Amino acid sequence: MRVGAIDIGTNSVRLLIAEHNSGGLNKLVSQLRTPRLGEGIHQSGYLKEEAILRTIEALREYREILNDYNAEVIAVATSAVRDAKNQDIFLERVKDETGIDIKVI
């Protein structure tokens, strides 16, 4: 079984795809993008449109990689999304544009 984990942080978005085998996990892919999703959030309380677009673009790239590896996806978002007043809009747009469901932790 192949699983992809996406970590959406304040500045970076990471992807790790691994395959489970009898010896444990075998790392297949590791990617890092820095769309700076949390840019300005401490001043306004909102995710900026430009930052949302950059993050969605990174997630589109990751979706293609996940599809190429036929991997299931688990995606989490941390501080910037958790604190954003427009969290629901961001999560909905990501789902609509990439098919990725994000859990906010």
PDB file of N, CA and C in Angstrom:
ATOM      1  N   MET A   1       0.834  -1.173   0.000  1.00  0.00           N
ATOM      2  CA  MET A   1       0.000   0.000   0.000  1.00  0.00           C
ATOM      3  C   MET A   1       0.886   1.246   0.000  1.00  0.00           C
ATOM      4  N   ARG A   2       0.532   2.221  -0.815  1.00  0.00           N
ATOM      5  CA  ARG A   2       1.248   3.489  -0.870  1.00  0.00           C
ATOM      6  C   ARG A   2       0.394   4.594  -0.268  1.00  0.00           C
ATOM      7  N   VAL A   3       1.036   5.396   0.575  1.00  0.00           N
ATOM      8  CA  VAL A   3       0.341   6.494   1.239  1.00  0.00           C
ATOM      9  C   VAL A   3       1.156   7.764   1.063  1.00  0.00           C
ATOM     10  N   GLY A   4       0.454   8.849   0.784  1.00  0.00           N
ATOM     11  CA  GLY A   4       1.074  10.158   0.700  1.00  0.00           C
ATOM     12  C   GLY A   4       0.601  11.021   1.847  1.00  0.00           C
ATOM     13  N   ALA A   5       1.545  11.651   2.511  1.00  0.00           N
ATOM     14  CA  ALA A   5       1.217  12.559   3.612  1.00  0.00           C
ATOM     15  C   ALA A   5       1.580  13.971   3.185  1.00  0.00           C
ATOM     16  N   ILE A   6       0.638  14.891   3.359  1.00  0.00           N
ATOM     17  CA  ILE A   6       0.860  16.300   3.050  1.00  0.00           C
ATOM     18  C   ILE A   6       0.736  17.090   4.339  1.00  0.00           C
ATOM     19  N   ASP A   7       1.752  17.901   4.606  1.00  0.00           N
ATOM     20  CA  ASP A   7       1.785  18.767   5.786  1.00  0.00           C
ATOM     21  C   ASP A   7       1.768  20.210   5.294  1.00  0.00           C
ATOM     22  N   ILE A   8       0.672  20.915   5.573  1.00  0.00           N
ATOM     23  CA  ILE A   8       0.514  22.305   5.154  1.00  0.00           C
ATOM     24  C   ILE A   8       0.794  23.191   6.362  1.00  0.00           C
ATOM     25  N   GLY A   9       1.952  23.813   6.354  1.00  0.00           N
ATOM     26  CA  GLY A   9       2.345  24.669   7.454  1.00  0.00           C
ATOM     27  C   GLY A   9       2.186  26.140   7.103  1.00  0.00           C
ATOM     28  N   THR A  10       2.662  26.994   7.971  1.00  0.00           N
ATOM     29  CA  THR A  10       2.550  28.436   7.768  1.00  0.00           C
ATOM     30  C   THR A  10       3.359  28.899   6.560  1.00  0.00           C
ATOM     31  N   ASN A  11       4.523  28.303   6.356  1.00  0.00           N
ATOM     32  CA  ASN A  11       5.378  28.708   5.242  1.00  0.00           C
ATOM     33  C   ASN A  11       5.571  27.635   4.183  1.00  0.00           C
ATOM     34  N   SER A  12       5.579  26.386   4.588  1.00  0.00           N
ATOM     35  CA  SER A  12       5.905  25.326   3.646  1.00  0.00           C
ATOM     36  C   SER A  12       4.784  24.293   3.535  1.00  0.00           C
ATOM     37  N   VAL A  13       4.847  23.568   2.421  1.00  0.00           N
ATOM     38  CA  VAL A  13       3.949  22.445   2.179  1.00  0.00           C
ATOM     39  C   VAL A  13       4.844  21.267   1.800  1.00  0.00           C
ATOM     40  N   ARG A  14       4.743  20.215   2.586  1.00  0.00           N
ATOM     41  CA  ARG A  14       5.600  19.046   2.386  1.00  0.00           C
ATOM     42  C   ARG A  14       4.776  17.852   1.931  1.00  0.00           C
ATOM     43  N   LEU A  15       5.408  17.029   1.101  1.00  0.00           N
ATOM     44  CA  LEU A  15       4.801  15.786   0.639  1.00  0.00           C
ATOM     45  C   LEU A  15       5.777  14.649   0.896  1.00  0.00           C
ATOM     46  N   LEU A  16       5.275  13.575   1.456  1.00  0.00           N
ATOM     47  CA  LEU A  16       6.040  12.351   1.610  1.00  0.00           C
ATOM     48  C   LEU A  16       5.162  11.205   1.128  1.00  0.00           C
ATOM     49  N   ILE A  17       5.677  10.431   0.194  1.00  0.00           N
ATOM     50  CA  ILE A  17       4.985   9.227  -0.248  1.00  0.00           C
ATOM     51  C   ILE A  17       5.847   8.048   0.165  1.00  0.00           C
ATOM     52  N   ALA A  18       5.213   7.086   0.819  1.00  0.00           N
ATOM     53  CA  ALA A  18       5.921   5.897   1.270  1.00  0.00           C
ATOM     54  C   ALA A  18       5.088   4.658   0.954  1.00  0.00           C
ATOM     55  N   GLU A  19       5.788   3.548   0.855  1.00  0.00           N
ATOM     56  CA  GLU A  19       5.139   2.263   0.598  1.00  0.00           C
ATOM     57  C   GLU A  19       5.385   1.358   1.788  1.00  0.00           C
ATOM     58  N   HIS A  20       4.313   0.744   2.260  1.00  0.00           N
ATOM     59  CA  HIS A  20       4.426  -0.188   3.384  1.00  0.00           C
ATOM     60  C   HIS A  20       4.797  -1.561   2.838  1.00  0.00           C
ATOM     61  N   ASN A  21       5.840  -2.152   3.430  1.00  0.00           N
ATOM     62  CA  ASN A  21       6.212  -3.517   3.083  1.00  0.00           C
ATOM     63  C   ASN A  21       6.538  -4.272   4.366  1.00  0.00           C
ATOM     64  N   SER A  22       6.929  -5.511   4.246  1.00  0.00           N
ATOM     65  CA  SER A  22       7.162  -6.337   5.434  1.00  0.00           C
ATOM     66  C   SER A  22       8.260  -5.778   6.338  1.00  0.00           C
ATOM     67  N   GLY A  23       9.181  -5.003   5.794  1.00  0.00           N
ATOM     68  CA  GLY A  23      10.263  -4.425   6.584  1.00  0.00           C
ATOM     69  C   GLY A  23       9.944  -3.064   7.158  1.00  0.00           C
ATOM     70  N   GLY A  24       8.762  -2.542   6.899  1.00  0.00           N
ATOM     71  CA  GLY A  24       8.386  -1.216   7.401  1.00  0.00           C
ATOM     72  C   GLY A  24       7.962  -0.304   6.266  1.00  0.00           C
ATOM     73  N   LEU A  25       8.459   0.915   6.290  1.00  0.00           N
ATOM     74  CA  LEU A  25       8.116   1.896   5.263  1.00  0.00           C
ATOM     75  C   LEU A  25       9.314   2.160   4.364  1.00  0.00           C
ATOM     76  N   ASN A  26       9.036   2.281   3.079  1.00  0.00           N
ATOM     77  CA  ASN A  26      10.055   2.616   2.094  1.00  0.00           C
ATOM     78  C   ASN A  26       9.693   3.968   1.491  1.00  0.00           C
ATOM     79  N   LYS A  27      10.519   4.996   1.738  1.00  0.00           N
ATOM     80  CA  LYS A  27      10.237   6.332   1.211  1.00  0.00           C
ATOM     81  C   LYS A  27      10.409   6.329  -0.306  1.00  0.00           C
ATOM     82  N   LEU A  28       9.386   6.821  -0.998  1.00  0.00           N
ATOM     83  CA  LEU A  28       9.408   6.887  -2.455  1.00  0.00           C
ATOM     84  C   LEU A  28       9.611   8.310  -2.963  1.00  0.00           C
ATOM     85  N   VAL A  29       8.978   9.278  -2.308  1.00  0.00           N
ATOM     86  CA  VAL A  29       9.022  10.669  -2.757  1.00  0.00           C
ATOM     87  C   VAL A  29       9.039  11.586  -1.544  1.00  0.00           C
ATOM     88  N   SER A  30       9.840  12.634  -1.641  1.00  0.00           N
ATOM     89  CA  SER A  30       9.833  13.687  -0.628  1.00  0.00           C
ATOM     90  C   SER A  30       9.948  15.022  -1.360  1.00  0.00           C
ATOM     91  N   GLN A  31       8.976  15.897  -1.150  1.00  0.00           N
ATOM     92  CA  GLN A  31       8.936  17.190  -1.841  1.00  0.00           C
ATOM     93  C   GLN A  31       8.697  18.305  -0.831  1.00  0.00           C
ATOM     94  N   LEU A  32       9.161  19.487  -1.162  1.00  0.00           N
ATOM     95  CA  LEU A  32       8.950  20.674  -0.331  1.00  0.00           C
ATOM     96  C   LEU A  32       8.687  21.871  -1.230  1.00  0.00           C
ATOM     97  N   ARG A  33       7.626  22.587  -0.931  1.00  0.00           N
ATOM     98  CA  ARG A  33       7.321  23.860  -1.592  1.00  0.00           C
ATOM     99  C   ARG A  33       7.168  24.899  -0.487  1.00  0.00           C
ATOM    100  N   THR A  34       7.441  26.157  -0.793  1.00  0.00           N
ATOM    101  CA  THR A  34       7.315  27.220   0.210  1.00  0.00           C
ATOM    102  C   THR A  34       6.390  28.334  -0.295  1.00  0.00           C
ATOM    103  N   PRO A  35       5.084  28.067  -0.308  1.00  0.00           N
ATOM    104  CA  PRO A  35       4.136  29.078  -0.792  1.00  0.00           C
ATOM    105  C   PRO A  35       3.807  30.172   0.224  1.00  0.00           C
ATOM    106  N   ARG A  36       4.328  30.066   1.452  1.00  0.00           N
ATOM    107  CA  ARG A  36       4.113  31.076   2.493  1.00  0.00           C
ATOM    108  C   ARG A  36       2.624  31.375   2.700  1.00  0.00           C
ATOM    109  N   LEU A  37       1.858  30.326   2.964  1.00  0.00           N
ATOM    110  CA  LEU A  37       0.412  30.460   3.158  1.00  0.00           C
ATOM    111  C   LEU A  37       0.069  31.435   4.270  1.00  0.00           C
ATOM    112  N   GLY A  38       0.849  31.463   5.330  1.00  0.00           N
ATOM    113  CA  GLY A  38       0.537  32.309   6.473  1.00  0.00           C
ATOM    114  C   GLY A  38       1.025  33.743   6.364  1.00  0.00           C
ATOM    115  N   GLU A  39       1.458  34.140   5.182  1.00  0.00           N
ATOM    116  CA  GLU A  39       1.949  35.501   4.974  1.00  0.00           C
ATOM    117  C   GLU A  39       0.911  36.538   5.425  1.00  0.00           C
ATOM    118  N   GLY A  40       1.255  37.325   6.435  1.00  0.00           N
ATOM    119  CA  GLY A  40       0.402  38.410   6.904  1.00  0.00           C
ATOM    120  C   GLY A  40      -0.759  38.002   7.794  1.00  0.00           C
ATOM    121  N   ILE A  41      -0.871  36.733   8.123  1.00  0.00           N
ATOM    122  CA  ILE A  41      -2.041  36.291   8.896  1.00  0.00           C
ATOM    123  C   ILE A  41      -2.077  36.896  10.294  1.00  0.00           C
ATOM    124  N   HIS A  42      -0.938  37.162  10.888  1.00  0.00           N
ATOM    125  CA  HIS A  42      -0.932  37.702  12.249  1.00  0.00           C
ATOM    126  C   HIS A  42      -1.418  39.147  12.294  1.00  0.00           C
ATOM    127  N   GLN A  43      -1.315  39.848  11.174  1.00  0.00           N
ATOM    128  CA  GLN A  43      -1.815  41.223  11.121  1.00  0.00           C
ATOM    129  C   GLN A  43      -3.313  41.276  10.820  1.00  0.00           C
ATOM    130  N   SER A  44      -3.748  40.446   9.863  1.00  0.00           N
ATOM    131  CA  SER A  44      -5.136  40.552   9.396  1.00  0.00           C
ATOM    132  C   SER A  44      -6.069  39.467   9.939  1.00  0.00           C
ATOM    133  N   GLY A  45      -5.511  38.310  10.276  1.00  0.00           N
ATOM    134  CA  GLY A  45      -6.341  37.183  10.686  1.00  0.00           C
ATOM    135  C   GLY A  45      -6.868  36.364   9.518  1.00  0.00           C
ATOM    136  N   TYR A  46      -6.517  36.763   8.297  1.00  0.00           N
ATOM    137  CA  TYR A  46      -7.005  36.092   7.099  1.00  0.00           C
ATOM    138  C   TYR A  46      -5.853  35.579   6.251  1.00  0.00           C
ATOM    139  N   LEU A  47      -6.095  34.440   5.558  1.00  0.00           N
ATOM    140  CA  LEU A  47      -5.166  33.970   4.547  1.00  0.00           C
ATOM    141  C   LEU A  47      -5.326  34.871   3.328  1.00  0.00           C
ATOM    142  N   LYS A  48      -4.209  35.364   2.794  1.00  0.00           N
ATOM    143  CA  LYS A  48      -4.252  36.235   1.622  1.00  0.00           C
ATOM    144  C   LYS A  48      -4.556  35.430   0.366  1.00  0.00           C
ATOM    145  N   GLU A  49      -5.277  36.048  -0.555  1.00  0.00           N
ATOM    146  CA  GLU A  49      -5.633  35.400  -1.815  1.00  0.00           C
ATOM    147  C   GLU A  49      -4.398  34.897  -2.560  1.00  0.00           C
ATOM    148  N   GLU A  50      -3.349  35.712  -2.621  1.00  0.00           N
ATOM    149  CA  GLU A  50      -2.132  35.320  -3.348  1.00  0.00           C
ATOM    150  C   GLU A  50      -1.503  34.085  -2.714  1.00  0.00           C
ATOM    151  N   ALA A  51      -1.501  34.036  -1.399  1.00  0.00           N
ATOM    152  CA  ALA A  51      -0.930  32.895  -0.685  1.00  0.00           C
ATOM    153  C   ALA A  51      -1.782  31.643  -0.886  1.00  0.00           C
ATOM    154  N   ILE A  52      -3.082  31.813  -0.908  1.00  0.00           N
ATOM    155  CA  ILE A  52      -3.979  30.684  -1.173  1.00  0.00           C
ATOM    156  C   ILE A  52      -3.705  30.123  -2.564  1.00  0.00           C
ATOM    157  N   LEU A  53      -3.575  30.994  -3.543  1.00  0.00           N
ATOM    158  CA  LEU A  53      -3.316  30.549  -4.918  1.00  0.00           C
ATOM    159  C   LEU A  53      -1.991  29.803  -5.022  1.00  0.00           C
ATOM    160  N   ARG A  54      -0.955  30.306  -4.352  1.00  0.00           N
ATOM    161  CA  ARG A  54       0.355  29.633  -4.378  1.00  0.00           C
ATOM    162  C   ARG A  54       0.262  28.241  -3.744  1.00  0.00           C
ATOM    163  N   THR A  55      -0.480  28.159  -2.657  1.00  0.00           N
ATOM    164  CA  THR A  55      -0.617  26.879  -1.952  1.00  0.00           C
ATOM    165  C   THR A  55      -1.429  25.894  -2.775  1.00  0.00           C
ATOM    166  N   ILE A  56      -2.503  26.345  -3.382  1.00  0.00           N
ATOM    167  CA  ILE A  56      -3.305  25.458  -4.229  1.00  0.00           C
ATOM    168  C   ILE A  56      -2.483  24.962  -5.412  1.00  0.00           C
ATOM    169  N   GLU A  57      -1.638  25.796  -5.966  1.00  0.00           N
ATOM    170  CA  GLU A  57      -0.776  25.364  -7.071  1.00  0.00           C
ATOM    171  C   GLU A  57       0.169  24.252  -6.608  1.00  0.00           C
ATOM    172  N   ALA A  58       0.752  24.397  -5.432  1.00  0.00           N
ATOM    173  CA  ALA A  58       1.624  23.349  -4.885  1.00  0.00           C
ATOM    174  C   ALA A  58       0.831  22.058  -4.671  1.00  0.00           C
ATOM    175  N   LEU A  59      -0.383  22.185  -4.165  1.00  0.00           N
ATOM    176  CA  LEU A  59      -1.214  21.003  -3.919  1.00  0.00           C
ATOM    177  C   LEU A  59      -1.658  20.338  -5.218  1.00  0.00           C
ATOM    178  N   ARG A  60      -1.843  21.114  -6.277  1.00  0.00           N
ATOM    179  CA  ARG A  60      -2.149  20.525  -7.587  1.00  0.00           C
ATOM    180  C   ARG A  60      -0.970  19.675  -8.063  1.00  0.00           C
ATOM    181  N   GLU A  61       0.238  20.209  -7.910  1.00  0.00           N
ATOM    182  CA  GLU A  61       1.438  19.453  -8.279  1.00  0.00           C
ATOM    183  C   GLU A  61       1.516  18.160  -7.470  1.00  0.00           C
ATOM    184  N   TYR A  62       1.262  18.252  -6.190  1.00  0.00           N
ATOM    185  CA  TYR A  62       1.306  17.069  -5.331  1.00  0.00           C
ATOM    186  C   TYR A  62       0.234  16.060  -5.721  1.00  0.00           C
ATOM    187  N   ARG A  63      -0.942  16.549  -6.082  1.00  0.00           N
ATOM    188  CA  ARG A  63      -2.028  15.647  -6.505  1.00  0.00           C
ATOM    189  C   ARG A  63      -1.582  14.822  -7.707  1.00  0.00           C
ATOM    190  N   GLU A  64      -0.899  15.448  -8.667  1.00  0.00           N
ATOM    191  CA  GLU A  64      -0.406  14.734  -9.847  1.00  0.00           C
ATOM    192  C   GLU A  64       0.608  13.666  -9.458  1.00  0.00           C
ATOM    193  N   ILE A  65       1.510  14.012  -8.540  1.00  0.00           N
ATOM    194  CA  ILE A  65       2.515  13.049  -8.080  1.00  0.00           C
ATOM    195  C   ILE A  65       1.828  11.886  -7.359  1.00  0.00           C
ATOM    196  N   LEU A  66       0.880  12.199  -6.500  1.00  0.00           N
ATOM    197  CA  LEU A  66       0.132  11.152  -5.792  1.00  0.00           C
ATOM    198  C   LEU A  66      -0.580  10.227  -6.770  1.00  0.00           C
ATOM    199  N   ASN A  67      -1.166  10.792  -7.801  1.00  0.00           N
ATOM    200  CA  ASN A  67      -1.846   9.987  -8.814  1.00  0.00           C
ATOM    201  C   ASN A  67      -0.849   9.100  -9.551  1.00  0.00           C
ATOM    202  N   ASP A  68       0.327   9.652  -9.891  1.00  0.00           N
ATOM    203  CA  ASP A  68       1.356   8.868 -10.579  1.00  0.00           C
ATOM    204  C   ASP A  68       1.797   7.661  -9.762  1.00  0.00           C
ATOM    205  N   TYR A  69       1.812   7.807  -8.446  1.00  0.00           N
ATOM    206  CA  TYR A  69       2.223   6.729  -7.551  1.00  0.00           C
ATOM    207  C   TYR A  69       1.047   5.902  -7.034  1.00  0.00           C
ATOM    208  N   ASN A  70      -0.153   6.259  -7.475  1.00  0.00           N
ATOM    209  CA  ASN A  70      -1.367   5.565  -7.028  1.00  0.00           C
ATOM    210  C   ASN A  70      -1.406   5.480  -5.498  1.00  0.00           C
ATOM    211  N   ALA A  71      -1.172   6.617  -4.870  1.00  0.00           N
ATOM    212  CA  ALA A  71      -1.099   6.678  -3.406  1.00  0.00           C
ATOM    213  C   ALA A  71      -2.346   7.332  -2.823  1.00  0.00           C
ATOM    214  N   GLU A  72      -2.790   6.791  -1.708  1.00  0.00           N
ATOM    215  CA  GLU A  72      -3.841   7.437  -0.928  1.00  0.00           C
ATOM    216  C   GLU A  72      -3.227   8.665  -0.281  1.00  0.00           C
ATOM    217  N   VAL A  73      -4.061   9.636   0.082  1.00  0.00           N
ATOM    218  CA  VAL A  73      -3.521  10.868   0.655  1.00  0.00           C
ATOM    219  C   VAL A  73      -4.122  11.158   2.022  1.00  0.00           C
ATOM    220  N   ILE A  74      -3.258  11.616   2.902  1.00  0.00           N
ATOM    221  CA  ILE A  74      -3.648  12.145   4.200  1.00  0.00           C
ATOM    222  C   ILE A  74      -3.048  13.546   4.247  1.00  0.00           C
ATOM    223  N   ALA A  75      -3.885  14.553   4.440  1.00  0.00           N
ATOM    224  CA  ALA A  75      -3.402  15.930   4.446  1.00  0.00           C
ATOM    225  C   ALA A  75      -3.805  16.629   5.737  1.00  0.00           C
ATOM    226  N   VAL A  76      -2.852  17.330   6.323  1.00  0.00           N
ATOM    227  CA  VAL A  76      -3.117  18.092   7.538  1.00  0.00           C
ATOM    228  C   VAL A  76      -2.614  19.513   7.361  1.00  0.00           C
ATOM    229  N   ALA A  77      -3.274  20.431   8.061  1.00  0.00           N
ATOM    230  CA  ALA A  77      -2.860  21.827   8.075  1.00  0.00           C
ATOM    231  C   ALA A  77      -2.692  22.255   9.525  1.00  0.00           C
ATOM    232  N   THR A  78      -1.723  23.121   9.752  1.00  0.00           N
ATOM    233  CA  THR A  78      -1.411  23.527  11.117  1.00  0.00           C
ATOM    234  C   THR A  78      -1.761  25.002  11.341  1.00  0.00           C
ATOM    235  N   SER A  79      -0.958  25.693  12.035  1.00  0.00           N
ATOM    236  CA  SER A  79      -1.229  27.002  12.624  1.00  0.00           C
ATOM    237  C   SER A  79      -1.925  28.019  11.726  1.00  0.00           C
ATOM    238  N   ALA A  80      -1.381  28.277  10.544  1.00  0.00           N
ATOM    239  CA  ALA A  80      -1.954  29.338   9.701  1.00  0.00           C
ATOM    240  C   ALA A  80      -3.412  29.055   9.358  1.00  0.00           C
ATOM    241  N   VAL A  81      -3.703  27.831   8.968  1.00  0.00           N
ATOM    242  CA  VAL A  81      -5.078  27.484   8.606  1.00  0.00           C
ATOM    243  C   VAL A  81      -5.947  27.423   9.857  1.00  0.00           C
ATOM    244  N   ARG A  82      -5.413  26.862  10.922  1.00  0.00           N
ATOM    245  CA  ARG A  82      -6.167  26.763  12.184  1.00  0.00           C
ATOM    246  C   ARG A  82      -6.589  28.143  12.681  1.00  0.00           C
ATOM    247  N   ASP A  83      -5.716  29.143  12.541  1.00  0.00           N
ATOM    248  CA  ASP A  83      -5.988  30.483  13.056  1.00  0.00           C
ATOM    249  C   ASP A  83      -6.752  31.390  12.088  1.00  0.00           C
ATOM    250  N   ALA A  84      -6.848  30.987  10.829  1.00  0.00           N
ATOM    251  CA  ALA A  84      -7.426  31.864   9.803  1.00  0.00           C
ATOM    252  C   ALA A  84      -8.936  32.017   9.945  1.00  0.00           C
ATOM    253  N   LYS A  85      -9.397  33.249   9.856  1.00  0.00           N
ATOM    254  CA  LYS A  85     -10.835  33.527   9.879  1.00  0.00           C
ATOM    255  C   LYS A  85     -11.519  33.008   8.614  1.00  0.00           C
ATOM    256  N   ASN A  86     -10.751  32.842   7.536  1.00  0.00           N
ATOM    257  CA  ASN A  86     -11.300  32.324   6.284  1.00  0.00           C
ATOM    258  C   ASN A  86     -10.880  30.868   6.040  1.00  0.00           C
ATOM    259  N   GLN A  87     -10.683  30.129   7.117  1.00  0.00           N
ATOM    260  CA  GLN A  87     -10.307  28.721   7.061  1.00  0.00           C
ATOM    261  C   GLN A  87     -11.257  27.912   6.189  1.00  0.00           C
ATOM    262  N   ASP A  88     -12.559  28.067   6.409  1.00  0.00           N
ATOM    263  CA  ASP A  88     -13.548  27.277   5.672  1.00  0.00           C
ATOM    264  C   ASP A  88     -13.454  27.518   4.164  1.00  0.00           C
ATOM    265  N   ILE A  89     -13.245  28.748   3.781  1.00  0.00           N
ATOM    266  CA  ILE A  89     -13.116  29.076   2.352  1.00  0.00           C
ATOM    267  C   ILE A  89     -11.897  28.386   1.766  1.00  0.00           C
ATOM    268  N   PHE A  90     -10.776  28.444   2.480  1.00  0.00           N
ATOM    269  CA  PHE A  90      -9.549  27.792   2.013  1.00  0.00           C
ATOM    270  C   PHE A  90      -9.760  26.288   1.850  1.00  0.00           C
ATOM    271  N   LEU A  91     -10.301  25.646   2.861  1.00  0.00           N
ATOM    272  CA  LEU A  91     -10.500  24.198   2.826  1.00  0.00           C
ATOM    273  C   LEU A  91     -11.428  23.791   1.690  1.00  0.00           C
ATOM    274  N   GLU A  92     -12.475  24.558   1.480  1.00  0.00           N
ATOM    275  CA  GLU A  92     -13.428  24.270   0.403  1.00  0.00           C
ATOM    276  C   GLU A  92     -12.774  24.436  -0.966  1.00  0.00           C
ATOM    277  N   ARG A  93     -11.999  25.490  -1.138  1.00  0.00           N
ATOM    278  CA  ARG A  93     -11.331  25.717  -2.428  1.00  0.00           C
ATOM    279  C   ARG A  93     -10.327  24.619  -2.730  1.00  0.00           C
ATOM    280  N   VAL A  94      -9.568  24.211  -1.725  1.00  0.00           N
ATOM    281  CA  VAL A  94      -8.606  23.124  -1.934  1.00  0.00           C
ATOM    282  C   VAL A  94      -9.341  21.856  -2.359  1.00  0.00           C
ATOM    283  N   LYS A  95     -10.415  21.516  -1.673  1.00  0.00           N
ATOM    284  CA  LYS A  95     -11.191  20.329  -2.010  1.00  0.00           C
ATOM    285  C   LYS A  95     -11.734  20.415  -3.428  1.00  0.00           C
ATOM    286  N   ASP A  96     -12.319  21.573  -3.784  1.00  0.00           N
ATOM    287  CA  ASP A  96     -12.896  21.758  -5.114  1.00  0.00           C
ATOM    288  C   ASP A  96     -11.845  21.699  -6.218  1.00  0.00           C
ATOM    289  N   GLU A  97     -10.661  22.280  -5.967  1.00  0.00           N
ATOM    290  CA  GLU A  97      -9.664  22.425  -7.025  1.00  0.00           C
ATOM    291  C   GLU A  97      -8.653  21.290  -7.089  1.00  0.00           C
ATOM    292  N   THR A  98      -8.523  20.501  -6.013  1.00  0.00           N
ATOM    293  CA  THR A  98      -7.523  19.426  -6.011  1.00  0.00           C
ATOM    294  C   THR A  98      -8.093  18.070  -5.612  1.00  0.00           C
ATOM    295  N   GLY A  99      -9.272  18.078  -5.002  1.00  0.00           N
ATOM    296  CA  GLY A  99      -9.842  16.838  -4.498  1.00  0.00           C
ATOM    297  C   GLY A  99      -9.251  16.389  -3.171  1.00  0.00           C
ATOM    298  N   ILE A 100      -8.410  17.214  -2.577  1.00  0.00           N
ATOM    299  CA  ILE A 100      -7.741  16.852  -1.325  1.00  0.00           C
ATOM    300  C   ILE A 100      -8.546  17.386  -0.141  1.00  0.00           C
ATOM    301  N   ASP A 101      -8.894  16.469   0.772  1.00  0.00           N
ATOM    302  CA  ASP A 101      -9.536  16.842   2.030  1.00  0.00           C
ATOM    303  C   ASP A 101      -8.428  17.104   3.053  1.00  0.00           C
ATOM    304  N   ILE A 102      -8.529  18.212   3.734  1.00  0.00           N
ATOM    305  CA  ILE A 102      -7.521  18.582   4.719  1.00  0.00           C
ATOM    306  C   ILE A 102      -8.108  18.533   6.120  1.00  0.00           C
ATOM    307  N   LYS A 103      -7.374  17.921   7.022  1.00  0.00           N
ATOM    308  CA  LYS A 103      -7.741  17.935   8.428  1.00  0.00           C
ATOM    309  C   LYS A 103      -6.907  19.020   9.115  1.00  0.00           C
ATOM    310  N   VAL A 104      -7.548  19.895   9.838  1.00  0.00           N
ATOM    311  CA  VAL A 104      -6.853  20.965  10.565  1.00  0.00           C
ATOM    312  C   VAL A 104      -6.512  20.438  11.952  1.00  0.00           C
ATOM    313  N   ILE A 105      -5.224  20.526  12.288  1.00  0.00           N
ATOM    314  CA  ILE A 105      -4.785  20.038  13.603  1.00  0.00           C
ATOM    315  C   ILE A 105      -4.181  21.160  14.422  1.00  0.00           C
TER     316      ILE A 105
END
